[in-house]
Amino acid sequence: MKFVLSIFIIVFVGYSTDYIGQHIFKQVEQKYGKFAVNRFVALDKLMKNLEGKSELEKIEKINNFFNNVRYSSDAKTYGLTDYWATPFEFLARDLGDCEDYVIAKYFTLKHLGIPAHKMYMTYVRVVGYDEAHMVLTYFSSPTSEPIVLDNINKKIFPASQRTDLKPAFNFNPEVLKSGKQTTAHRKWDELLKNMRENKL
C-alpha cells in the first residue's frame, strides 16, 4: 500500500507551552463533572511520564490512550453531519468519531515533541464500508513506510499490513504548498478557532 503525500495550505498557529492548564481542569469539572476531570488528570500524568521517551513509545502510548475514548458519530454527539472536535472537547465528552481521534493524537504527540512534518492526517476507504475514514500516519523519514494510528484496528501496523485500508489522500497542517481551499481547510480553520477559545 502506498500513501501518497498530498499537501494543502493550512496556516498553523502556536499554542501555550502548557498543554492542559489549570483553567481547563476547572472548566471541565464545571461542565462535565469530576469523572471527566479524571481523564484529563490521566492524560497529564501520561504526558509527563513520556517526557524523554522515544518517538515510537510516545506514539504507542498516546494511540492507546485516545483509543479508549468511545466512538460516536457526529450526528449522535453534536447533531451535525461533520464536526471536528478539539482534543479537549473530545476527551471531556469521552465521545468522538475518526477525525476526533486523529486530531487529539496529532496535537498531543506534537506537544510531546514529535515533529509535525512527520504526521499526516490521512483519508482512507475501509474495505467493505462505504463511508470515508481518517487515520493518523507517521513517517519516520520522508521516504520511509508510514505506520498507521487508527481507532478501528487499535494496534499500530505499517501501512503495507493494513490491506483493509485504501488511501485517498494525506494532508499535513504545517507543510505549506500552493493549493485551493478545500473542505479540510475550512474544517481546520474552524478547529483552530475553537482551540484558541478552549472550546469544550
Protein backbone atom coordinates (compact mmCIF):
# COMPACT_ATOMS: atom_id res chain seq x y z
CA MET A 1 0.00 0.00 0.00
CA LYS A 2 1.36 3.40 -0.91
CA PHE A 3 0.38 6.53 0.98
CA VAL A 4 0.99 9.50 -1.32
CA LEU A 5 1.81 12.80 0.36
CA SER A 6 -0.80 15.21 -0.99
CA ILE A 7 -0.44 18.56 0.78
CA PHE A 8 -2.72 21.57 1.32
CA ILE A 9 -2.12 25.13 2.53
CA ILE A 10 -3.16 25.29 6.15
CA VAL A 11 -1.80 28.06 8.35
CA PHE A 12 -0.73 26.86 11.78
CA VAL A 13 -0.95 28.96 14.94
CA GLY A 14 1.04 28.38 18.11
CA TYR A 15 -0.25 27.32 21.49
CA SER A 16 0.72 27.66 25.12
CA THR A 17 3.62 25.57 26.42
CA ASP A 18 1.20 24.07 28.98
CA TYR A 19 -0.91 21.52 27.17
CA ILE A 20 -3.52 21.27 29.92
CA GLY A 21 -3.72 24.43 32.02
CA GLN A 22 -5.39 24.59 35.42
CA HIS A 23 -8.22 26.63 33.92
CA ILE A 24 -9.03 23.67 31.67
CA PHE A 25 -9.40 21.34 34.64
CA LYS A 26 -11.79 23.81 36.25
CA GLN A 27 -13.84 24.29 33.09
CA VAL A 28 -14.11 20.54 32.53
CA GLU A 29 -15.28 19.93 36.09
CA GLN A 30 -17.88 22.70 35.86
CA LYS A 31 -19.30 21.46 32.57
CA TYR A 32 -18.78 17.67 32.66
CA GLY A 33 -18.10 16.70 36.27
CA LYS A 34 -15.29 15.04 38.23
CA PHE A 35 -15.20 11.83 36.19
CA ALA A 36 -14.31 13.86 33.12
CA VAL A 37 -11.55 15.63 35.06
CA ASN A 38 -10.04 12.22 35.87
CA ARG A 39 -9.47 11.63 32.15
CA PHE A 40 -7.52 14.90 31.92
CA VAL A 41 -5.50 14.03 35.01
CA ALA A 42 -4.64 10.69 33.41
CA LEU A 43 -3.55 12.35 30.17
CA ASP A 44 -1.45 14.93 32.02
CA LYS A 45 0.27 12.17 34.03
CA LEU A 46 0.90 10.10 30.91
CA MET A 47 2.42 13.04 29.06
CA LYS A 48 4.75 13.80 31.95
CA ASN A 49 5.81 10.13 32.07
CA LEU A 50 6.55 10.17 28.34
CA GLU A 51 8.97 13.09 28.51
CA GLY A 52 12.32 11.92 27.20
CA LYS A 53 10.94 8.68 25.77
CA SER A 54 11.40 7.59 22.15
CA GLU A 55 9.06 8.74 19.41
CA LEU A 56 7.72 5.23 18.93
CA GLU A 57 6.94 4.83 22.64
CA LYS A 58 5.14 8.17 22.68
CA ILE A 59 3.16 7.18 19.60
CA GLU A 60 2.15 3.81 21.04
CA LYS A 61 1.08 5.18 24.44
CA ILE A 62 -0.87 8.15 23.08
CA ASN A 63 -2.54 5.99 20.45
CA ASN A 64 -3.66 3.57 23.16
CA PHE A 65 -4.84 6.36 25.45
CA PHE A 66 -7.14 8.06 22.98
CA ASN A 67 -8.42 4.79 21.55
CA ASN A 68 -10.09 4.27 24.94
CA VAL A 69 -12.48 7.12 24.13
CA ARG A 70 -15.84 5.79 22.99
CA TYR A 71 -16.77 6.05 19.32
CA SER A 72 -19.85 8.10 18.44
CA SER A 73 -20.94 9.68 15.18
CA ASP A 74 -21.13 13.45 14.83
CA ALA A 75 -24.86 13.12 14.23
CA LYS A 76 -25.36 11.46 17.62
CA THR A 77 -22.89 13.62 19.54
CA TYR A 78 -23.44 17.05 18.01
CA GLY A 79 -26.44 16.75 15.72
CA LEU A 80 -24.17 17.60 12.77
CA THR A 81 -23.06 15.63 9.73
CA ASP A 82 -19.37 16.54 10.09
CA TYR A 83 -17.75 18.26 13.06
CA TRP A 84 -14.07 18.31 14.08
CA ALA A 85 -13.80 18.45 17.87
CA THR A 86 -10.88 19.93 19.75
CA PRO A 87 -8.75 17.41 21.69
CA PHE A 88 -10.16 18.69 24.99
CA GLU A 89 -13.75 18.63 23.73
CA PHE A 90 -13.23 15.05 22.54
CA LEU A 91 -11.74 13.93 25.85
CA ALA A 92 -14.22 15.83 28.03
CA ARG A 93 -17.22 14.30 26.26
CA ASP A 94 -15.50 10.90 26.05
CA LEU A 95 -17.09 10.58 22.61
CA GLY A 96 -15.96 11.18 19.05
CA ASP A 97 -15.55 9.92 15.52
CA CYS A 98 -12.47 9.11 13.45
CA GLU A 99 -11.36 12.72 12.81
CA ASP A 100 -11.53 13.45 16.53
CA TYR A 101 -9.18 10.56 17.38
CA VAL A 102 -6.72 11.76 14.73
CA ILE A 103 -6.82 15.40 15.85
CA ALA A 104 -6.31 14.51 19.52
CA LYS A 105 -3.40 12.20 18.75
CA TYR A 106 -1.80 14.73 16.39
CA PHE A 107 -1.79 17.66 18.80
CA THR A 108 -0.80 15.60 21.82
CA LEU A 109 2.12 13.98 20.01
CA LYS A 110 3.19 17.34 18.64
CA HIS A 111 3.24 18.76 22.15
CA LEU A 112 5.38 15.79 23.21
CA GLY A 113 7.98 16.79 20.63
CA ILE A 114 7.07 14.63 17.62
CA PRO A 115 7.91 16.82 14.61
CA ALA A 116 4.66 17.85 12.95
CA HIS A 117 6.08 17.24 9.48
CA LYS A 118 6.23 13.52 10.27
CA MET A 119 2.49 13.25 10.91
CA TYR A 120 -0.23 13.24 8.26
CA MET A 121 -3.98 13.16 8.51
CA THR A 122 -4.92 10.51 6.00
CA TYR A 123 -8.31 9.90 4.44
CA VAL A 124 -8.87 6.25 3.56
CA ARG A 125 -11.59 3.89 2.47
CA VAL A 126 -12.12 0.84 4.65
CA VAL A 127 -12.71 -2.29 2.59
CA GLY A 128 -16.32 -3.34 2.96
CA TYR A 129 -17.56 0.07 4.14
CA ASP A 130 -18.94 2.97 2.12
CA GLU A 131 -18.03 5.88 4.40
CA ALA A 132 -14.68 7.68 4.32
CA HIS A 133 -12.40 7.17 7.31
CA MET A 134 -9.46 9.13 8.71
CA VAL A 135 -6.30 7.78 10.34
CA LEU A 136 -3.07 9.38 11.52
CA THR A 137 0.05 8.26 9.65
CA TYR A 138 3.57 8.73 10.95
CA PHE A 139 6.63 8.84 8.66
CA SER A 140 9.96 8.43 10.48
CA SER A 141 11.59 9.91 7.35
CA PRO A 142 10.25 11.35 4.07
CA THR A 143 10.98 8.09 2.25
CA SER A 144 10.00 5.61 4.94
CA GLU A 145 6.88 3.48 5.02
CA PRO A 146 4.37 5.09 7.40
CA ILE A 147 2.80 3.44 10.38
CA VAL A 148 -0.94 3.79 10.91
CA LEU A 149 -2.64 5.03 14.08
CA ASP A 150 -6.29 4.02 13.86
CA ASN A 151 -9.31 3.80 16.14
CA ILE A 152 -10.85 0.81 14.30
CA ASN A 153 -7.85 -1.52 14.32
CA LYS A 154 -6.28 -0.21 17.51
CA LYS A 155 -2.91 -1.91 17.10
CA ILE A 156 -0.27 0.08 15.19
CA PHE A 157 0.86 -1.50 11.92
CA PRO A 158 2.98 -0.44 8.93
CA ALA A 159 0.74 0.78 6.11
CA SER A 160 1.62 -2.25 3.95
CA GLN A 161 0.00 -4.52 6.54
CA ARG A 162 -3.25 -2.57 6.59
CA THR A 163 -4.68 -4.19 3.48
CA ASP A 164 -8.16 -3.24 4.71
CA LEU A 165 -7.40 0.43 4.04
CA LYS A 166 -7.35 2.11 0.64
CA PRO A 167 -5.67 5.56 0.94
CA ALA A 168 -7.33 8.54 -0.75
CA PHE A 169 -5.12 11.49 0.24
CA ASN A 170 -3.00 12.90 3.07
CA PHE A 171 -2.56 16.38 4.41
CA ASN A 172 -0.13 17.87 6.87
CA PRO A 173 -1.20 21.08 8.63
CA GLU A 174 2.30 22.54 8.85
CA VAL A 175 3.66 21.87 5.37
CA LEU A 176 2.79 24.74 3.11
CA LYS A 177 2.29 24.41 -0.60
CA SER A 178 0.07 26.20 -3.08
CA GLY A 179 -3.37 24.75 -3.48
CA LYS A 180 -7.05 25.57 -3.49
CA GLN A 181 -9.31 25.98 -0.49
CA THR A 182 -10.93 22.68 0.45
CA THR A 183 -13.35 21.30 3.00
CA ALA A 184 -10.34 20.14 5.03
CA HIS A 185 -9.04 23.74 5.07
CA ARG A 186 -12.33 25.09 6.31
CA LYS A 187 -12.68 22.41 8.97
CA TRP A 188 -9.10 23.01 10.10
CA ASP A 189 -9.62 26.78 10.35
CA GLU A 190 -12.74 26.21 12.44
CA LEU A 191 -10.87 23.73 14.65
CA LEU A 192 -8.03 26.20 15.29
CA LYS A 193 -10.53 28.90 16.22
CA ASN A 194 -12.22 26.54 18.68
CA MET A 195 -8.85 25.58 20.16
CA ARG A 196 -7.87 29.21 20.66
CA GLU A 197 -11.14 29.68 22.54
CA ASN A 198 -10.58 26.49 24.61
CA LYS A 199 -13.90 25.12 23.45
CA LEU A 200 -15.13 22.18 25.50
